[in-house]
Amino acid sequence: RKKDCDGHKDYEYYMHLDNFVVLEQSLSASKMKEVTGHGFNFR
C-alpha cells in the first residue's frame, strides 16, 4: 500500500502485519546477540 507522507504523494510504502505482537519489553541489540550467538548490522 502507498500513502502521502510529509506533504509528498505516495512517499510511504507500507504493508499490514497480521498476528501483531507488541513486546512488553524491547529486545535490545545486545540481547539479540546473546540469543542468536552473533550480531547484526542495524544501520
ModelCIF file with pLDDT and N, C-alpha, C, O atoms, coordinates in Angstrom:
data_MODEL
#
_entry.id   MODEL 
#
_entity.id                         1 
_entity.type                       polymer 
_entity.pdbx_number_of_molecules   1 
#
_entity_poly.entity_id                      1 
_entity_poly.type                           'polypeptide(L)' 
_entity_poly.nstd_linkage                   no 
_entity_poly.nstd_monomer                   no 
_entity_poly.pdbx_seq_one_letter_code       RKKDCDGHKDYEYYMHLDNFVVLEQSLSASKMKEVTGHGFNFR 
_entity_poly.pdbx_seq_one_letter_code_can   RKKDCDGHKDYEYYMHLDNFVVLEQSLSASKMKEVTGHGFNFR 
_entity_poly.pdbx_strand_id                 A 
#
loop_
_entity_poly_seq.entity_id 
_entity_poly_seq.num 
_entity_poly_seq.mon_id 
_entity_poly_seq.hetero 
1 1  ARG n 
1 2  LYS n 
1 3  LYS n 
1 4  ASP n 
1 5  CYS n 
1 6  ASP n 
1 7  GLY n 
1 8  HIS n 
1 9  LYS n 
1 10 ASP n 
1 11 TYR n 
1 12 GLU n 
1 13 TYR n 
1 14 TYR n 
1 15 MET n 
1 16 HIS n 
1 17 LEU n 
1 18 ASP n 
1 19 ASN n 
1 20 PHE n 
1 21 VAL n 
1 22 VAL n 
1 23 LEU n 
1 24 GLU n 
1 25 GLN n 
1 26 SER n 
1 27 LEU n 
1 28 SER n 
1 29 ALA n 
1 30 SER n 
1 31 LYS n 
1 32 MET n 
1 33 LYS n 
1 34 GLU n 
1 35 VAL n 
1 36 THR n 
1 37 GLY n 
1 38 HIS n 
1 39 GLY n 
1 40 PHE n 
1 41 ASN n 
1 42 PHE n 
1 43 ARG n 
#
_struct_asym.id          A 
_struct_asym.entity_id   1 
#
loop_
_ma_qa_metric.id 
_ma_qa_metric.mode 
_ma_qa_metric.name 
_ma_qa_metric.software_group_id 
_ma_qa_metric.type 
1 global pLDDT . pLDDT 
2 local  pLDDT . pLDDT 
#
_ma_qa_metric_global.metric_id      1 
_ma_qa_metric_global.metric_value   90.72 
_ma_qa_metric_global.model_id       1 
_ma_qa_metric_global.ordinal_id     1 
#
loop_
_ma_qa_metric_local.label_asym_id 
_ma_qa_metric_local.label_comp_id 
_ma_qa_metric_local.label_seq_id 
_ma_qa_metric_local.metric_id 
_ma_qa_metric_local.metric_value 
_ma_qa_metric_local.model_id 
_ma_qa_metric_local.ordinal_id 
A ARG 1  2 94.00 1 1  
A LYS 2  2 94.00 1 2  
A LYS 3  2 92.00 1 3  
A ASP 4  2 91.00 1 4  
A CYS 5  2 85.00 1 5  
A ASP 6  2 83.00 1 6  
A GLY 7  2 85.00 1 7  
A HIS 8  2 88.00 1 8  
A LYS 9  2 90.00 1 9  
A ASP 10 2 89.00 1 10 
A TYR 11 2 88.00 1 11 
A GLU 12 2 92.00 1 12 
A TYR 13 2 95.00 1 13 
A TYR 14 2 95.00 1 14 
A MET 15 2 96.00 1 15 
A HIS 16 2 97.00 1 16 
A LEU 17 2 96.00 1 17 
A ASP 18 2 95.00 1 18 
A ASN 19 2 94.00 1 19 
A PHE 20 2 96.00 1 20 
A VAL 21 2 96.00 1 21 
A VAL 22 2 96.00 1 22 
A LEU 23 2 95.00 1 23 
A GLU 24 2 92.00 1 24 
A GLN 25 2 93.00 1 25 
A SER 26 2 94.00 1 26 
A LEU 27 2 94.00 1 27 
A SER 28 2 94.00 1 28 
A ALA 29 2 92.00 1 29 
A SER 30 2 93.00 1 30 
A LYS 31 2 94.00 1 31 
A MET 32 2 93.00 1 32 
A LYS 33 2 92.00 1 33 
A GLU 34 2 93.00 1 34 
A VAL 35 2 92.00 1 35 
A THR 36 2 88.00 1 36 
A GLY 37 2 86.00 1 37 
A HIS 38 2 82.00 1 38 
A GLY 39 2 84.00 1 39 
A PHE 40 2 85.00 1 40 
A ASN 41 2 79.00 1 41 
A PHE 42 2 81.00 1 42 
A ARG 43 2 78.00 1 43 
#
loop_
_atom_site.group_PDB 
_atom_site.id 
_atom_site.type_symbol 
_atom_site.label_atom_id 
_atom_site.label_alt_id 
_atom_site.label_comp_id 
_atom_site.label_asym_id 
_atom_site.label_entity_id 
_atom_site.label_seq_id 
_atom_site.pdbx_PDB_ins_code 
_atom_site.Cartn_x 
_atom_site.Cartn_y 
_atom_site.Cartn_z 
_atom_site.occupancy 
_atom_site.B_iso_or_equiv 
_atom_site.pdbx_formal_charge 
_atom_site.auth_seq_id 
_atom_site.auth_comp_id 
_atom_site.auth_asym_id 
_atom_site.auth_atom_id 
_atom_site.pdbx_PDB_model_num 
ATOM 1   N N  . ARG A 1 1  ? 0.851  -1.195  0.000  1.00 94.00 ? 1  ARG A N  1 
ATOM 2   C CA . ARG A 1 1  ? 0.000  0.000   0.000  1.00 94.00 ? 1  ARG A CA 1 
ATOM 3   C C  . ARG A 1 1  ? 0.884  1.241   0.000  1.00 94.00 ? 1  ARG A C  1 
ATOM 4   O O  . ARG A 1 1  ? 2.050  1.190   0.392  1.00 94.00 ? 1  ARG A O  1 
ATOM 5   N N  . LYS A 1 2  ? 0.305  2.367   -0.450 1.00 94.00 ? 2  LYS A N  1 
ATOM 6   C CA . LYS A 1 2  ? 1.038  3.625   -0.515 1.00 94.00 ? 2  LYS A CA 1 
ATOM 7   C C  . LYS A 1 2  ? 0.174  4.734   0.078  1.00 94.00 ? 2  LYS A C  1 
ATOM 8   O O  . LYS A 1 2  ? -1.054 4.685   0.004  1.00 94.00 ? 2  LYS A O  1 
ATOM 9   N N  . LYS A 1 3  ? 0.830  5.733   0.665  1.00 92.00 ? 3  LYS A N  1 
ATOM 10  C CA . LYS A 1 3  ? 0.099  6.884   1.184  1.00 92.00 ? 3  LYS A CA 1 
ATOM 11  C C  . LYS A 1 3  ? 1.000  8.114   1.145  1.00 92.00 ? 3  LYS A C  1 
ATOM 12  O O  . LYS A 1 3  ? 2.224  8.007   1.060  1.00 92.00 ? 3  LYS A O  1 
ATOM 13  N N  . ASP A 1 4  ? 0.365  9.284   1.208  1.00 91.00 ? 4  ASP A N  1 
ATOM 14  C CA . ASP A 1 4  ? 1.122  10.533  1.221  1.00 91.00 ? 4  ASP A CA 1 
ATOM 15  C C  . ASP A 1 4  ? 1.896  10.651  2.526  1.00 91.00 ? 4  ASP A C  1 
ATOM 16  O O  . ASP A 1 4  ? 1.470  10.144  3.563  1.00 91.00 ? 4  ASP A O  1 
ATOM 17  N N  . CYS A 1 5  ? 3.034  11.324  2.461  1.00 85.00 ? 5  CYS A N  1 
ATOM 18  C CA . CYS A 1 5  ? 3.893  11.447  3.641  1.00 85.00 ? 5  CYS A CA 1 
ATOM 19  C C  . CYS A 1 5  ? 4.619  12.782  3.591  1.00 85.00 ? 5  CYS A C  1 
ATOM 20  O O  . CYS A 1 5  ? 5.258  13.115  2.593  1.00 85.00 ? 5  CYS A O  1 
ATOM 21  N N  . ASP A 1 6  ? 4.518  13.540  4.672  1.00 83.00 ? 6  ASP A N  1 
ATOM 22  C CA . ASP A 1 6  ? 5.235  14.810  4.807  1.00 83.00 ? 6  ASP A CA 1 
ATOM 23  C C  . ASP A 1 6  ? 5.008  15.730  3.609  1.00 83.00 ? 6  ASP A C  1 
ATOM 24  O O  . ASP A 1 6  ? 5.923  16.415  3.152  1.00 83.00 ? 6  ASP A O  1 
ATOM 25  N N  . GLY A 1 7  ? 3.786  15.733  3.118  1.00 85.00 ? 7  GLY A N  1 
ATOM 26  C CA . GLY A 1 7  ? 3.437  16.604  2.014  1.00 85.00 ? 7  GLY A CA 1 
ATOM 27  C C  . GLY A 1 7  ? 3.769  16.071  0.643  1.00 85.00 ? 7  GLY A C  1 
ATOM 28  O O  . GLY A 1 7  ? 3.568  16.770  -0.350 1.00 85.00 ? 7  GLY A O  1 
ATOM 29  N N  . HIS A 1 8  ? 4.268  14.861  0.556  1.00 88.00 ? 8  HIS A N  1 
ATOM 30  C CA . HIS A 1 8  ? 4.625  14.258  -0.734 1.00 88.00 ? 8  HIS A CA 1 
ATOM 31  C C  . HIS A 1 8  ? 3.671  13.103  -1.025 1.00 88.00 ? 8  HIS A C  1 
ATOM 32  O O  . HIS A 1 8  ? 3.329  12.332  -0.128 1.00 88.00 ? 8  HIS A O  1 
ATOM 33  N N  . LYS A 1 9  ? 3.251  12.988  -2.258 1.00 90.00 ? 9  LYS A N  1 
ATOM 34  C CA . LYS A 1 9  ? 2.293  11.967  -2.646 1.00 90.00 ? 9  LYS A CA 1 
ATOM 35  C C  . LYS A 1 9  ? 2.963  10.601  -2.727 1.00 90.00 ? 9  LYS A C  1 
ATOM 36  O O  . LYS A 1 9  ? 4.023  10.443  -3.331 1.00 90.00 ? 9  LYS A O  1 
ATOM 37  N N  . ASP A 1 10 ? 2.318  9.618   -2.103 1.00 89.00 ? 10 ASP A N  1 
ATOM 38  C CA . ASP A 1 10 ? 2.758  8.219   -2.166 1.00 89.00 ? 10 ASP A CA 1 
ATOM 39  C C  . ASP A 1 10 ? 4.217  8.038   -1.740 1.00 89.00 ? 10 ASP A C  1 
ATOM 40  O O  . ASP A 1 10 ? 4.930  7.219   -2.320 1.00 89.00 ? 10 ASP A O  1 
ATOM 41  N N  . TYR A 1 11 ? 4.667  8.792   -0.737 1.00 88.00 ? 11 TYR A N  1 
ATOM 42  C CA . TYR A 1 11 ? 6.053  8.687   -0.302 1.00 88.00 ? 11 TYR A CA 1 
ATOM 43  C C  . TYR A 1 11 ? 6.238  7.651   0.803  1.00 88.00 ? 11 TYR A C  1 
ATOM 44  O O  . TYR A 1 11 ? 7.366  7.372   1.208  1.00 88.00 ? 11 TYR A O  1 
ATOM 45  N N  . GLU A 1 12 ? 5.146  7.086   1.288  1.00 92.00 ? 12 GLU A N  1 
ATOM 46  C CA . GLU A 1 12 ? 5.240  5.990   2.252  1.00 92.00 ? 12 GLU A CA 1 
ATOM 47  C C  . GLU A 1 12 ? 4.716  4.714   1.611  1.00 92.00 ? 12 GLU A C  1 
ATOM 48  O O  . GLU A 1 12 ? 3.592  4.673   1.112  1.00 92.00 ? 12 GLU A O  1 
ATOM 49  N N  . TYR A 1 13 ? 5.553  3.663   1.632  1.00 95.00 ? 13 TYR A N  1 
ATOM 50  C CA . TYR A 1 13 ? 5.119  2.336   1.224  1.00 95.00 ? 13 TYR A CA 1 
ATOM 51  C C  . TYR A 1 13 ? 4.955  1.522   2.515  1.00 95.00 ? 13 TYR A C  1 
ATOM 52  O O  . TYR A 1 13 ? 5.815  1.570   3.394  1.00 95.00 ? 13 TYR A O  1 
ATOM 53  N N  . TYR A 1 14 ? 3.865  0.786   2.622  1.00 95.00 ? 14 TYR A N  1 
ATOM 54  C CA . TYR A 1 14 ? 3.672  0.022   3.848  1.00 95.00 ? 14 TYR A CA 1 
ATOM 55  C C  . TYR A 1 14 ? 2.881  -1.248  3.573  1.00 95.00 ? 14 TYR A C  1 
ATOM 56  O O  . TYR A 1 14 ? 2.266  -1.414  2.519  1.00 95.00 ? 14 TYR A O  1 
ATOM 57  N N  . MET A 1 15 ? 2.918  -2.136  4.557  1.00 96.00 ? 15 MET A N  1 
ATOM 58  C CA . MET A 1 15 ? 2.200  -3.399  4.475  1.00 96.00 ? 15 MET A CA 1 
ATOM 59  C C  . MET A 1 15 ? 1.693  -3.729  5.874  1.00 96.00 ? 15 MET A C  1 
ATOM 60  O O  . MET A 1 15 ? 2.422  -3.582  6.855  1.00 96.00 ? 15 MET A O  1 
ATOM 61  N N  . HIS A 1 16 ? 0.449  -4.171  5.962  1.00 97.00 ? 16 HIS A N  1 
ATOM 62  C CA . HIS A 1 16 ? -0.118 -4.545  7.252  1.00 97.00 ? 16 HIS A CA 1 
ATOM 63  C C  . HIS A 1 16 ? 0.551  -5.824  7.770  1.00 97.00 ? 16 HIS A C  1 
ATOM 64  O O  . HIS A 1 16 ? 0.938  -6.704  7.002  1.00 97.00 ? 16 HIS A O  1 
ATOM 65  N N  . LEU A 1 17 ? 0.670  -5.894  9.093  1.00 96.00 ? 17 LEU A N  1 
ATOM 66  C CA . LEU A 1 17 ? 1.244  -7.066  9.754  1.00 96.00 ? 17 LEU A CA 1 
ATOM 67  C C  . LEU A 1 17 ? 0.158  -7.768  10.558 1.00 96.00 ? 17 LEU A C  1 
ATOM 68  O O  . LEU A 1 17 ? -0.384 -7.205  11.509 1.00 96.00 ? 17 LEU A O  1 
ATOM 69  N N  . ASP A 1 18 ? -0.153 -8.988  10.176 1.00 95.00 ? 18 ASP A N  1 
ATOM 70  C CA . ASP A 1 18 ? -1.147 -9.787  10.894 1.00 95.00 ? 18 ASP A CA 1 
ATOM 71  C C  . ASP A 1 18 ? -0.503 -10.429 12.122 1.00 95.00 ? 18 ASP A C  1 
ATOM 72  O O  . ASP A 1 18 ? 0.721  -10.466 12.249 1.00 95.00 ? 18 ASP A O  1 
ATOM 73  N N  . ASN A 1 19 ? -1.350 -10.934 13.025 1.00 94.00 ? 19 ASN A N  1 
ATOM 74  C CA . ASN A 1 19 ? -0.873 -11.588 14.261 1.00 94.00 ? 19 ASN A CA 1 
ATOM 75  C C  . ASN A 1 19 ? 0.159  -10.703 14.969 1.00 94.00 ? 19 ASN A C  1 
ATOM 76  O O  . ASN A 1 19 ? 1.193  -11.177 15.440 1.00 94.00 ? 19 ASN A O  1 
ATOM 77  N N  . PHE A 1 20 ? -0.149 -9.429  15.027 1.00 96.00 ? 20 PHE A N  1 
ATOM 78  C CA . PHE A 1 20 ? 0.806  -8.430  15.519 1.00 96.00 ? 20 PHE A CA 1 
ATOM 79  C C  . PHE A 1 20 ? 1.031  -8.580  17.021 1.00 96.00 ? 20 PHE A C  1 
ATOM 80  O O  . PHE A 1 20 ? 0.081  -8.699  17.794 1.00 96.00 ? 20 PHE A O  1 
ATOM 81  N N  . VAL A 1 21 ? 2.302  -8.573  17.420 1.00 96.00 ? 21 VAL A N  1 
ATOM 82  C CA . VAL A 1 21 ? 2.675  -8.709  18.830 1.00 96.00 ? 21 VAL A CA 1 
ATOM 83  C C  . VAL A 1 21 ? 3.557  -7.527  19.218 1.00 96.00 ? 21 VAL A C  1 
ATOM 84  O O  . VAL A 1 21 ? 4.602  -7.302  18.607 1.00 96.00 ? 21 VAL A O  1 
ATOM 85  N N  . VAL A 1 22 ? 3.139  -6.773  20.231 1.00 96.00 ? 22 VAL A N  1 
ATOM 86  C CA . VAL A 1 22 ? 3.968  -5.705  20.791 1.00 96.00 ? 22 VAL A CA 1 
ATOM 87  C C  . VAL A 1 22 ? 4.653  -6.237  22.038 1.00 96.00 ? 22 VAL A C  1 
ATOM 88  O O  . VAL A 1 22 ? 3.985  -6.747  22.938 1.00 96.00 ? 22 VAL A O  1 
ATOM 89  N N  . LEU A 1 23 ? 5.966  -6.127  22.105 1.00 95.00 ? 23 LEU A N  1 
ATOM 90  C CA . LEU A 1 23 ? 6.713  -6.665  23.224 1.00 95.00 ? 23 LEU A CA 1 
ATOM 91  C C  . LEU A 1 23 ? 6.519  -5.793  24.463 1.00 95.00 ? 23 LEU A C  1 
ATOM 92  O O  . LEU A 1 23 ? 6.544  -4.565  24.386 1.00 95.00 ? 23 LEU A O  1 
ATOM 93  N N  . GLU A 1 24 ? 6.329  -6.441  25.587 1.00 92.00 ? 24 GLU A N  1 
ATOM 94  C CA . GLU A 1 24 ? 6.231  -5.700  26.834 1.00 92.00 ? 24 GLU A CA 1 
ATOM 95  C C  . GLU A 1 24 ? 7.552  -5.018  27.165 1.00 92.00 ? 24 GLU A C  1 
ATOM 96  O O  . GLU A 1 24 ? 7.576  -3.929  27.739 1.00 92.00 ? 24 GLU A O  1 
ATOM 97  N N  . GLN A 1 25 ? 8.642  -5.666  26.798 1.00 93.00 ? 25 GLN A N  1 
ATOM 98  C CA . GLN A 1 25 ? 9.965  -5.081  26.983 1.00 93.00 ? 25 GLN A CA 1 
ATOM 99  C C  . GLN A 1 25 ? 10.749 -5.283  25.694 1.00 93.00 ? 25 GLN A C  1 
ATOM 100 O O  . GLN A 1 25 ? 10.844 -6.401  25.188 1.00 93.00 ? 25 GLN A O  1 
ATOM 101 N N  . SER A 1 26 ? 11.311 -4.200  25.166 1.00 94.00 ? 26 SER A N  1 
ATOM 102 C CA . SER A 1 26 ? 12.048 -4.291  23.908 1.00 94.00 ? 26 SER A CA 1 
ATOM 103 C C  . SER A 1 26 ? 13.216 -5.263  24.031 1.00 94.00 ? 26 SER A C  1 
ATOM 104 O O  . SER A 1 26 ? 13.835 -5.383  25.089 1.00 94.00 ? 26 SER A O  1 
ATOM 105 N N  . LEU A 1 27 ? 13.503 -5.948  22.937 1.00 94.00 ? 27 LEU A N  1 
ATOM 106 C CA . LEU A 1 27 ? 14.640 -6.866  22.894 1.00 94.00 ? 27 LEU A CA 1 
ATOM 107 C C  . LEU A 1 27 ? 15.824 -6.103  22.327 1.00 94.00 ? 27 LEU A C  1 
ATOM 108 O O  . LEU A 1 27 ? 15.857 -5.822  21.130 1.00 94.00 ? 27 LEU A O  1 
ATOM 109 N N  . SER A 1 28 ? 16.785 -5.768  23.152 1.00 94.00 ? 28 SER A N  1 
ATOM 110 C CA . SER A 1 28 ? 17.905 -4.917  22.754 1.00 94.00 ? 28 SER A CA 1 
ATOM 111 C C  . SER A 1 28 ? 18.835 -5.627  21.777 1.00 94.00 ? 28 SER A C  1 
ATOM 112 O O  . SER A 1 28 ? 18.782 -6.847  21.619 1.00 94.00 ? 28 SER A O  1 
ATOM 113 N N  . ALA A 1 29 ? 19.687 -4.839  21.127 1.00 92.00 ? 29 ALA A N  1 
ATOM 114 C CA . ALA A 1 29 ? 20.658 -5.402  20.194 1.00 92.00 ? 29 ALA A CA 1 
ATOM 115 C C  . ALA A 1 29 ? 21.605 -6.361  20.905 1.00 92.00 ? 29 ALA A C  1 
ATOM 116 O O  . ALA A 1 29 ? 21.949 -7.414  20.369 1.00 92.00 ? 29 ALA A O  1 
ATOM 117 N N  . SER A 1 30 ? 22.021 -5.998  22.105 1.00 93.00 ? 30 SER A N  1 
ATOM 118 C CA . SER A 1 30 ? 22.928 -6.878  22.853 1.00 93.00 ? 30 SER A CA 1 
ATOM 119 C C  . SER A 1 30 ? 22.244 -8.185  23.240 1.00 93.00 ? 30 SER A C  1 
ATOM 120 O O  . SER A 1 30 ? 22.868 -9.246  23.222 1.00 93.00 ? 30 SER A O  1 
ATOM 121 N N  . LYS A 1 31 ? 20.954 -8.108  23.593 1.00 94.00 ? 31 LYS A N  1 
ATOM 122 C CA . LYS A 1 31 ? 20.220 -9.317  23.939 1.00 94.00 ? 31 LYS A CA 1 
ATOM 123 C C  . LYS A 1 31 ? 20.011 -10.189 22.705 1.00 94.00 ? 31 LYS A C  1 
ATOM 124 O O  . LYS A 1 31 ? 20.074 -11.415 22.797 1.00 94.00 ? 31 LYS A O  1 
ATOM 125 N N  . MET A 1 32 ? 19.761 -9.563  21.541 1.00 93.00 ? 32 MET A N  1 
ATOM 126 C CA . MET A 1 32 ? 19.627 -10.327 20.303 1.00 93.00 ? 32 MET A CA 1 
ATOM 127 C C  . MET A 1 32 ? 20.909 -11.085 19.996 1.00 93.00 ? 32 MET A C  1 
ATOM 128 O O  . MET A 1 32 ? 20.875 -12.232 19.550 1.00 93.00 ? 32 MET A O  1 
ATOM 129 N N  . LYS A 1 33 ? 22.041 -10.430 20.240 1.00 92.00 ? 33 LYS A N  1 
ATOM 130 C CA . LYS A 1 33 ? 23.329 -11.085 20.004 1.00 92.00 ? 33 LYS A CA 1 
ATOM 131 C C  . LYS A 1 33 ? 23.500 -12.265 20.947 1.00 92.00 ? 33 LYS A C  1 
ATOM 132 O O  . LYS A 1 33 ? 24.005 -13.317 20.555 1.00 92.00 ? 33 LYS A O  1 
ATOM 133 N N  . GLU A 1 34 ? 23.074 -12.082 22.194 1.00 93.00 ? 34 GLU A N  1 
ATOM 134 C CA . GLU A 1 34 ? 23.166 -13.166 23.175 1.00 93.00 ? 34 GLU A CA 1 
ATOM 135 C C  . GLU A 1 34 ? 22.274 -14.336 22.784 1.00 93.00 ? 34 GLU A C  1 
ATOM 136 O O  . GLU A 1 34 ? 22.670 -15.494 22.914 1.00 93.00 ? 34 GLU A O  1 
ATOM 137 N N  . VAL A 1 35 ? 21.076 -14.036 22.309 1.00 92.00 ? 35 VAL A N  1 
ATOM 138 C CA . VAL A 1 35 ? 20.096 -15.073 21.976 1.00 92.00 ? 35 VAL A CA 1 
ATOM 139 C C  . VAL A 1 35 ? 20.509 -15.854 20.734 1.00 92.00 ? 35 VAL A C  1 
ATOM 140 O O  . VAL A 1 35 ? 20.396 -17.080 20.703 1.00 92.00 ? 35 VAL A O  1 
ATOM 141 N N  . THR A 1 36 ? 20.991 -15.145 19.706 1.00 88.00 ? 36 THR A N  1 
ATOM 142 C CA . THR A 1 36 ? 21.296 -15.790 18.423 1.00 88.00 ? 36 THR A CA 1 
ATOM 143 C C  . THR A 1 36 ? 22.736 -16.242 18.299 1.00 88.00 ? 36 THR A C  1 
ATOM 144 O O  . THR A 1 36 ? 23.054 -17.114 17.490 1.00 88.00 ? 36 THR A O  1 
ATOM 145 N N  . GLY A 1 37 ? 23.614 -15.643 19.107 1.00 86.00 ? 37 GLY A N  1 
ATOM 146 C CA . GLY A 1 37 ? 25.020 -16.024 19.038 1.00 86.00 ? 37 GLY A CA 1 
ATOM 147 C C  . GLY A 1 37 ? 25.853 -15.171 18.115 1.00 86.00 ? 37 GLY A C  1 
ATOM 148 O O  . GLY A 1 37 ? 27.038 -15.448 17.930 1.00 86.00 ? 37 GLY A O  1 
ATOM 149 N N  . HIS A 1 38 ? 25.265 -14.127 17.521 1.00 82.00 ? 38 HIS A N  1 
ATOM 150 C CA . HIS A 1 38 ? 26.032 -13.221 16.655 1.00 82.00 ? 38 HIS A CA 1 
ATOM 151 C C  . HIS A 1 38 ? 25.309 -11.880 16.551 1.00 82.00 ? 38 HIS A C  1 
ATOM 152 O O  . HIS A 1 38 ? 24.127 -11.763 16.875 1.00 82.00 ? 38 HIS A O  1 
ATOM 153 N N  . GLY A 1 39 ? 26.056 -10.865 16.087 1.00 84.00 ? 39 GLY A N  1 
ATOM 154 C CA . GLY A 1 39 ? 25.497 -9.524  15.982 1.00 84.00 ? 39 GLY A CA 1 
ATOM 155 C C  . GLY A 1 39 ? 24.850 -9.267  14.635 1.00 84.00 ? 39 GLY A C  1 
ATOM 156 O O  . GLY A 1 39 ? 24.929 -10.093 13.726 1.00 84.00 ? 39 GLY A O  1 
ATOM 157 N N  . PHE A 1 40 ? 24.199 -8.099  14.513 1.00 85.00 ? 40 PHE A N  1 
ATOM 158 C CA . PHE A 1 40 ? 23.514 -7.704  13.284 1.00 85.00 ? 40 PHE A CA 1 
ATOM 159 C C  . PHE A 1 40 ? 23.912 -6.281  12.920 1.00 85.00 ? 40 PHE A C  1 
ATOM 160 O O  . PHE A 1 40 ? 24.337 -5.504  13.774 1.00 85.00 ? 40 PHE A O  1 
ATOM 161 N N  . ASN A 1 41 ? 23.769 -5.952  11.643 1.00 79.00 ? 41 ASN A N  1 
ATOM 162 C CA . ASN A 1 41 ? 24.077 -4.617  11.150 1.00 79.00 ? 41 ASN A CA 1 
ATOM 163 C C  . ASN A 1 41 ? 22.787 -3.792  11.100 1.00 79.00 ? 41 ASN A C  1 
ATOM 164 O O  . ASN A 1 41 ? 22.028 -3.878  10.135 1.00 79.00 ? 41 ASN A O  1 
ATOM 165 N N  . PHE A 1 42 ? 22.547 -3.003  12.130 1.00 81.00 ? 42 PHE A N  1 
ATOM 166 C CA . PHE A 1 42 ? 21.295 -2.261  12.237 1.00 81.00 ? 42 PHE A CA 1 
ATOM 167 C C  . PHE A 1 42 ? 21.326 -0.937  11.489 1.00 81.00 ? 42 PHE A C  1 
ATOM 168 O O  . PHE A 1 42 ? 20.352 -0.185  11.539 1.00 81.00 ? 42 PHE A O  1 
ATOM 169 N N  . ARG A 1 43 ? 22.408 -0.636  10.804 1.00 78.00 ? 43 ARG A N  1 
ATOM 170 C CA . ARG A 1 43 ? 22.479 0.617   10.063 1.00 78.00 ? 43 ARG A CA 1 
ATOM 171 C C  . ARG A 1 43 ? 21.621 0.575   8.802  1.00 78.00 ? 43 ARG A C  1 
ATOM 172 O O  . ARG A 1 43 ? 21.567 1.555   8.059  1.00 78.00 ? 43 ARG A O  1 
#
